[in-house]
Amino acid sequence: MPAILQVHDLVKHYGEIRAVDHINFHIEQGEIFSLLGPNGAGKTTTISILSTLIPPTSGDATIGGFSITRQPDQVRALLGMVPQDIALYDDLTAEENLRFWGNMYDLSGSLLSQRVADALQRIGLTDRAKDKVKTFSGGMKRRVNIAAGLLHQPRLLFMDEPTVGIDPQSRRAILDMVKALNAEGMTILYTTHYMEEAQELSDRVGIIDQGKLIALGTQAELTRQVGETDTIVLHVDRQDQYQPVLDAILTVPGTLRADSAKDQISVITADAEEVLAPVITAATASGARIRSVDIHAPNLETVFLHLTGCVLRD
């Protein structure tokens, strides 16, 4: 099956500023793809171009086989958009807001009523359907914002920083909703500067910085790209001679280095999960008494710091 989204050499200039700099990537049907980067990296500009809100300076993208520059109407019919800014009317109720946006998608009658009811149930706000949005918390508004993007049952959902500025409980509810939507088959492009969100949600991650897509892949692929390794730490009973244990561990294929310090042995490997069992077997066979084992694996924060030299903060 061809990718639902193909991005081809996308560029956007604002005067001398290149907000998007020759970006290329694709999204497979059914995956969650995250664009991870700091504020100002080009995430929102990229998603605005892909949703046909602003034109690219050059390049193109196809969604469901339709060009964003030549066939924008067909593209919009396939998309759901959850913008970073709340796109709701404070003096309308949650239900009225959803009916308004449903009308924008050419929904009406009993179908619109059913879609609105389903959306309110999904976001857990059926009991607040008749309340004005201005009485809602920030997290509740964001949930209604998401519901508005789902009314027409899009094939591809764009979510631009959907958890910015809300409390931890509301963030948890939204992340769980994203995972539930994906489990039902929804394809999602998710932008965030929260490292833990990209790490929890994503099938693949694109790291974007200063308008450039500087890395792309699964989390395991990204860590391999920057040469990061896993560390297995064996906590052992202290003994006089560690060298026979270290020598035995290094006979295990996939181990790169083994060191001892006080009552622990550290093993460097490209894949801790693959070598863990044979490392333990080799260590115990050569006399080590293992009390516990820890595994320290690189994560997206390690990769991002390696690639950009900066740490993402809320």
Protein backbone atom coordinates (compact mmCIF):
# COMPACT_ATOMS: atom_id res chain seq x y z
CA MET A 1 0.00 0.00 0.00
CA PRO A 2 1.46 3.41 -0.96
CA ALA A 3 2.19 5.94 1.80
CA ILE A 4 -0.78 8.15 2.65
CA LEU A 5 1.51 11.21 2.83
CA GLN A 6 4.56 11.91 0.68
CA VAL A 7 6.53 15.13 1.23
CA HIS A 8 8.82 16.16 -1.63
CA ASP A 9 11.57 18.76 -1.05
CA LEU A 10 9.32 21.20 0.81
CA VAL A 11 10.62 24.77 1.26
CA LYS A 12 9.09 27.88 2.85
CA HIS A 13 10.76 31.29 2.95
CA TYR A 14 9.70 34.35 4.92
CA GLY A 15 11.98 36.99 3.47
CA GLU A 16 15.50 35.94 4.39
CA ILE A 17 14.24 33.35 6.88
CA ARG A 18 13.97 29.78 5.64
CA ALA A 19 11.33 28.34 7.98
CA VAL A 20 11.19 25.00 6.15
CA ASP A 21 14.36 23.87 4.41
CA HIS A 22 14.05 21.09 1.81
CA ILE A 23 12.09 18.62 3.94
CA ASN A 24 11.35 15.10 2.71
CA PHE A 25 9.47 12.35 4.53
CA HIS A 26 6.49 10.02 4.19
CA ILE A 27 3.83 8.60 6.50
CA GLU A 28 2.50 5.06 6.16
CA GLN A 29 -1.18 4.27 6.56
CA GLY A 30 -1.95 3.49 10.22
CA GLU A 31 1.14 4.92 11.88
CA ILE A 32 1.78 7.76 14.32
CA PHE A 33 4.53 9.95 12.93
CA SER A 34 5.88 12.68 15.22
CA LEU A 35 7.74 15.84 14.25
CA LEU A 36 9.87 16.60 17.31
CA GLY A 37 11.68 19.87 17.78
CA PRO A 38 11.97 23.04 19.84
CA ASN A 39 9.67 26.03 19.44
CA GLY A 40 10.50 27.81 16.20
CA ALA A 41 11.96 24.71 14.55
CA GLY A 42 9.44 24.73 11.68
CA LYS A 43 6.88 22.19 12.91
CA THR A 44 3.80 24.42 12.69
CA THR A 45 4.88 25.90 9.35
CA THR A 46 5.30 22.40 7.94
CA ILE A 47 1.91 21.22 9.15
CA SER A 48 0.27 24.45 7.92
CA ILE A 49 1.67 23.86 4.42
CA LEU A 50 0.59 20.22 4.40
CA SER A 51 -2.94 21.18 5.46
CA THR A 52 -3.07 23.73 2.56
CA LEU A 53 -3.37 26.72 4.92
CA ILE A 54 -0.26 28.37 3.46
CA PRO A 55 1.50 27.68 0.15
CA PRO A 56 5.07 26.39 -0.01
CA THR A 57 7.77 28.48 -1.62
CA SER A 58 8.76 25.36 -3.53
CA GLY A 59 8.30 21.62 -3.37
CA ASP A 60 5.08 19.67 -2.99
CA ALA A 61 3.39 16.90 -1.06
CA THR A 62 0.69 14.36 -1.85
CA ILE A 63 -1.98 13.12 0.54
CA GLY A 64 -3.96 10.11 -0.61
CA GLY A 65 -2.41 10.69 -4.03
CA PHE A 66 -3.61 14.32 -4.29
CA SER A 67 -1.20 17.26 -4.56
CA ILE A 68 -1.42 19.94 -1.85
CA THR A 69 -0.56 22.62 -4.43
CA ARG A 70 -2.67 21.44 -7.39
CA GLN A 71 -5.60 19.62 -5.70
CA PRO A 72 -6.12 21.33 -2.32
CA ASP A 73 -9.89 20.64 -2.17
CA GLN A 74 -9.38 16.89 -2.49
CA VAL A 75 -6.60 17.03 0.11
CA ARG A 76 -8.77 18.89 2.65
CA ALA A 77 -11.49 16.26 2.32
CA LEU A 78 -9.04 13.63 3.60
CA LEU A 79 -7.64 15.65 6.51
CA GLY A 80 -8.60 16.36 10.08
CA MET A 81 -6.79 19.32 11.64
CA VAL A 82 -6.23 19.98 15.35
CA PRO A 83 -4.44 23.34 15.46
CA GLN A 84 -2.14 24.51 18.22
CA ASP A 85 -4.42 27.47 18.93
CA ILE A 86 -7.92 26.73 20.23
CA ALA A 87 -10.35 27.09 17.30
CA LEU A 88 -13.59 27.35 19.28
CA TYR A 89 -16.19 30.02 20.04
CA ASP A 90 -16.34 30.76 23.76
CA ASP A 91 -19.98 31.89 23.75
CA LEU A 92 -21.19 28.70 22.05
CA THR A 93 -21.70 25.42 23.87
CA ALA A 94 -19.52 22.39 23.17
CA GLU A 95 -22.32 20.90 21.09
CA GLU A 96 -22.89 24.13 19.15
CA ASN A 97 -19.18 24.42 18.39
CA LEU A 98 -19.10 20.88 17.04
CA ARG A 99 -22.25 21.45 14.99
CA PHE A 100 -20.66 24.58 13.50
CA TRP A 101 -17.52 22.71 12.48
CA GLY A 102 -19.58 19.78 11.26
CA ASN A 103 -21.41 22.14 8.92
CA MET A 104 -18.03 23.29 7.59
CA TYR A 105 -17.46 19.64 6.61
CA ASP A 106 -20.88 19.57 4.86
CA LEU A 107 -22.41 17.36 7.54
CA SER A 108 -26.06 17.90 8.41
CA GLY A 109 -29.22 16.30 9.76
CA SER A 110 -29.18 13.04 11.66
CA LEU A 111 -25.65 12.21 10.49
CA LEU A 112 -24.28 15.41 12.02
CA SER A 113 -26.21 14.82 15.25
CA GLN A 114 -24.79 11.29 15.53
CA ARG A 115 -21.22 12.43 14.77
CA VAL A 116 -21.45 15.19 17.38
CA ALA A 117 -22.81 12.77 19.99
CA ASP A 118 -20.07 10.25 19.19
CA ALA A 119 -17.36 12.92 19.39
CA LEU A 120 -18.59 14.20 22.75
CA GLN A 121 -18.64 10.67 24.10
CA ARG A 122 -15.11 10.01 22.84
CA ILE A 123 -13.71 13.07 24.62
CA GLY A 124 -15.69 12.38 27.78
CA LEU A 125 -17.76 15.57 27.72
CA THR A 126 -21.28 14.33 26.99
CA ASP A 127 -22.45 15.71 30.33
CA ARG A 128 -21.06 19.16 29.42
CA ALA A 129 -22.49 19.28 25.90
CA LYS A 130 -24.87 22.18 26.73
CA ASP A 131 -22.28 24.24 28.63
CA LYS A 132 -20.57 27.21 27.02
CA VAL A 133 -16.95 26.64 26.14
CA LYS A 134 -15.88 29.73 28.09
CA THR A 135 -16.69 27.79 31.29
CA PHE A 136 -14.26 24.98 30.34
CA SER A 137 -10.72 24.45 31.55
CA GLY A 138 -7.85 24.62 29.06
CA GLY A 139 -7.67 20.84 28.91
CA MET A 140 -11.38 20.50 28.21
CA LYS A 141 -11.17 23.08 25.42
CA ARG A 142 -8.33 21.13 23.85
CA ARG A 143 -10.42 17.96 23.94
CA VAL A 144 -13.28 19.74 22.13
CA ASN A 145 -10.69 21.07 19.67
CA ILE A 146 -9.69 17.48 18.92
CA ALA A 147 -13.32 16.36 18.56
CA ALA A 148 -13.90 19.05 15.92
CA GLY A 149 -11.14 17.54 13.78
CA LEU A 150 -12.69 14.07 13.93
CA LEU A 151 -16.29 14.82 12.89
CA HIS A 152 -15.84 13.99 9.20
CA GLN A 153 -13.83 10.81 9.97
CA PRO A 154 -10.64 11.86 8.17
CA ARG A 155 -8.09 9.40 6.79
CA LEU A 156 -5.20 11.46 8.20
CA LEU A 157 -5.26 13.56 11.37
CA PHE A 158 -2.84 16.44 11.94
CA MET A 159 -2.28 17.33 15.62
CA ASP A 160 -0.13 20.41 16.19
CA GLU A 161 1.16 20.61 19.80
CA PRO A 162 -2.23 19.45 21.20
CA THR A 163 -1.12 19.36 24.85
CA VAL A 164 0.58 22.75 25.19
CA GLY A 165 -0.31 24.64 28.35
CA ILE A 166 -2.59 22.09 30.01
CA ASP A 167 -2.47 20.19 33.29
CA PRO A 168 -0.92 16.69 33.56
CA GLN A 169 -4.29 14.95 33.93
CA SER A 170 -5.66 16.53 30.75
CA ARG A 171 -2.43 15.73 28.92
CA ARG A 172 -2.73 12.11 29.97
CA ALA A 173 -6.30 11.99 28.67
CA ILE A 174 -5.26 13.40 25.30
CA LEU A 175 -2.31 11.03 24.91
CA ASP A 176 -4.57 8.07 25.70
CA MET A 177 -7.07 9.39 23.14
CA VAL A 178 -4.35 9.61 20.48
CA LYS A 179 -3.35 6.00 21.13
CA ALA A 180 -6.98 4.85 21.04
CA LEU A 181 -7.59 6.62 17.71
CA ASN A 182 -4.50 5.00 16.25
CA ALA A 183 -5.56 1.57 17.54
CA GLU A 184 -8.80 2.07 15.57
CA GLY A 185 -6.80 2.69 12.39
CA MET A 186 -6.34 6.47 12.37
CA THR A 187 -3.10 7.73 10.80
CA ILE A 188 -1.68 10.67 12.77
CA LEU A 189 0.93 13.36 12.18
CA TYR A 190 1.77 14.70 15.64
CA THR A 191 4.01 17.69 16.33
CA THR A 192 5.48 18.26 19.76
CA HIS A 193 8.41 19.67 21.70
CA TYR A 194 7.73 17.27 24.58
CA MET A 195 10.31 14.50 24.36
CA GLU A 196 8.28 12.05 26.44
CA GLU A 197 5.23 12.41 24.17
CA ALA A 198 7.15 11.54 21.01
CA GLN A 199 8.80 8.67 22.83
CA GLU A 200 5.49 7.23 24.06
CA LEU A 201 3.36 7.69 20.95
CA SER A 202 5.49 7.39 17.86
CA ASP A 203 6.04 4.60 15.37
CA ARG A 204 8.59 6.89 13.71
CA VAL A 205 10.03 10.28 14.62
CA GLY A 206 11.36 13.12 12.50
CA ILE A 207 13.67 15.47 14.41
CA ILE A 208 13.40 19.00 13.05
CA ASP A 209 15.67 21.92 13.92
CA GLN A 210 16.01 25.33 12.25
CA GLY A 211 13.74 24.24 9.43
CA LYS A 212 15.74 21.12 8.56
CA LEU A 213 14.73 17.50 9.11
CA ILE A 214 18.00 16.34 10.64
CA ALA A 215 17.06 12.74 11.53
CA LEU A 216 14.26 10.33 10.75
CA GLY A 217 13.36 6.80 11.79
CA THR A 218 12.09 4.56 14.55
CA GLN A 219 13.52 5.24 17.98
CA ALA A 220 15.84 2.25 17.63
CA GLU A 221 17.00 3.45 14.21
CA LEU A 222 17.68 6.95 15.51
CA THR A 223 19.85 5.70 18.35
CA ARG A 224 21.83 3.58 15.90
CA GLN A 225 22.25 6.55 13.55
CA VAL A 226 24.05 8.55 16.23
CA GLY A 227 26.10 5.58 17.38
CA GLU A 228 24.54 5.28 20.83
CA THR A 229 24.95 2.03 22.78
CA ASP A 230 23.20 0.20 25.61
CA THR A 231 24.77 -0.49 28.97
CA ILE A 232 24.08 -3.59 31.07
CA VAL A 233 25.03 -3.17 34.73
CA LEU A 234 25.48 -6.38 36.73
CA HIS A 235 25.37 -5.74 40.49
CA VAL A 236 27.50 -8.53 41.98
CA ASP A 237 28.99 -9.68 45.26
CA ARG A 238 32.43 -8.14 45.52
CA GLN A 239 35.32 -10.46 44.62
CA ASP A 240 39.08 -10.25 44.33
CA GLN A 241 39.42 -11.13 40.66
CA TYR A 242 37.08 -9.64 38.08
CA GLN A 243 39.23 -10.25 35.01
CA PRO A 244 38.08 -13.85 34.39
CA VAL A 245 34.47 -12.63 34.48
CA LEU A 246 35.22 -9.77 32.09
CA ASP A 247 37.07 -12.09 29.72
CA ALA A 248 34.13 -14.51 29.70
CA ILE A 249 31.61 -11.73 29.01
CA LEU A 250 33.67 -10.46 26.08
CA THR A 251 33.37 -13.86 24.38
CA VAL A 252 29.63 -13.18 23.96
CA PRO A 253 28.94 -11.93 20.40
CA GLY A 254 27.64 -8.35 20.44
CA THR A 255 29.50 -7.18 23.55
CA LEU A 256 31.78 -4.21 22.89
CA ARG A 257 33.41 -3.55 26.26
CA ALA A 258 33.26 -4.83 29.84
CA ASP A 259 34.55 -2.99 32.92
CA SER A 260 34.41 -3.57 36.67
CA ALA A 261 34.13 -1.12 39.57
CA LYS A 262 33.59 -2.07 43.21
CA ASP A 263 30.56 -4.36 43.22
CA GLN A 264 29.34 -3.91 39.66
CA ILE A 265 30.25 -4.92 36.13
CA SER A 266 29.29 -2.68 33.18
CA VAL A 267 28.84 -4.20 29.74
CA ILE A 268 28.62 -1.99 26.64
CA THR A 269 26.62 -3.44 23.75
CA ALA A 270 24.69 -2.33 20.70
CA ASP A 271 21.64 -4.35 21.78
CA ALA A 272 21.19 -5.12 25.48
CA GLU A 273 18.07 -7.19 24.98
CA GLU A 274 19.81 -9.54 22.55
CA VAL A 275 22.93 -10.21 24.67
CA LEU A 276 21.51 -10.03 28.20
CA ALA A 277 20.88 -13.74 28.72
CA PRO A 278 24.26 -14.96 27.37
CA VAL A 279 26.09 -12.22 29.34
CA ILE A 280 24.47 -13.39 32.58
CA THR A 281 25.27 -17.00 31.72
CA ALA A 282 28.93 -16.20 30.98
CA ALA A 283 29.29 -14.09 34.13
CA THR A 284 27.83 -16.69 36.48
CA ALA A 285 29.78 -19.53 34.84
CA SER A 286 33.02 -17.67 35.52
CA GLY A 287 32.24 -17.15 39.21
CA ALA A 288 30.22 -13.93 39.51
CA ARG A 289 27.31 -13.86 41.95
CA ILE A 290 24.73 -11.52 40.43
CA ARG A 291 22.38 -9.74 42.82
CA SER A 292 20.50 -7.59 40.30
CA VAL A 293 20.69 -6.27 36.74
CA ASP A 294 20.00 -2.81 35.28
CA ILE A 295 19.81 -1.82 31.63
CA HIS A 296 20.48 1.75 30.54
CA ALA A 297 19.33 2.36 26.97
CA PRO A 298 19.58 5.62 25.03
CA ASN A 299 16.32 7.45 24.39
CA LEU A 300 15.09 10.30 22.21
CA GLU A 301 16.51 12.88 24.59
CA THR A 302 19.97 11.35 24.18
CA VAL A 303 19.59 11.39 20.40
CA PHE A 304 18.23 14.94 20.28
CA LEU A 305 21.03 16.26 22.48
CA HIS A 306 23.61 14.49 20.32
CA LEU A 307 22.17 15.94 17.08
CA THR A 308 21.33 19.48 18.14
CA GLY A 309 23.39 20.17 21.26
CA CYS A 310 20.32 21.39 23.13
CA VAL A 311 17.83 19.94 25.60
CA LEU A 312 14.08 20.44 25.07
CA ARG A 313 12.26 22.14 27.93
CA ASP A 314 8.58 22.81 28.56
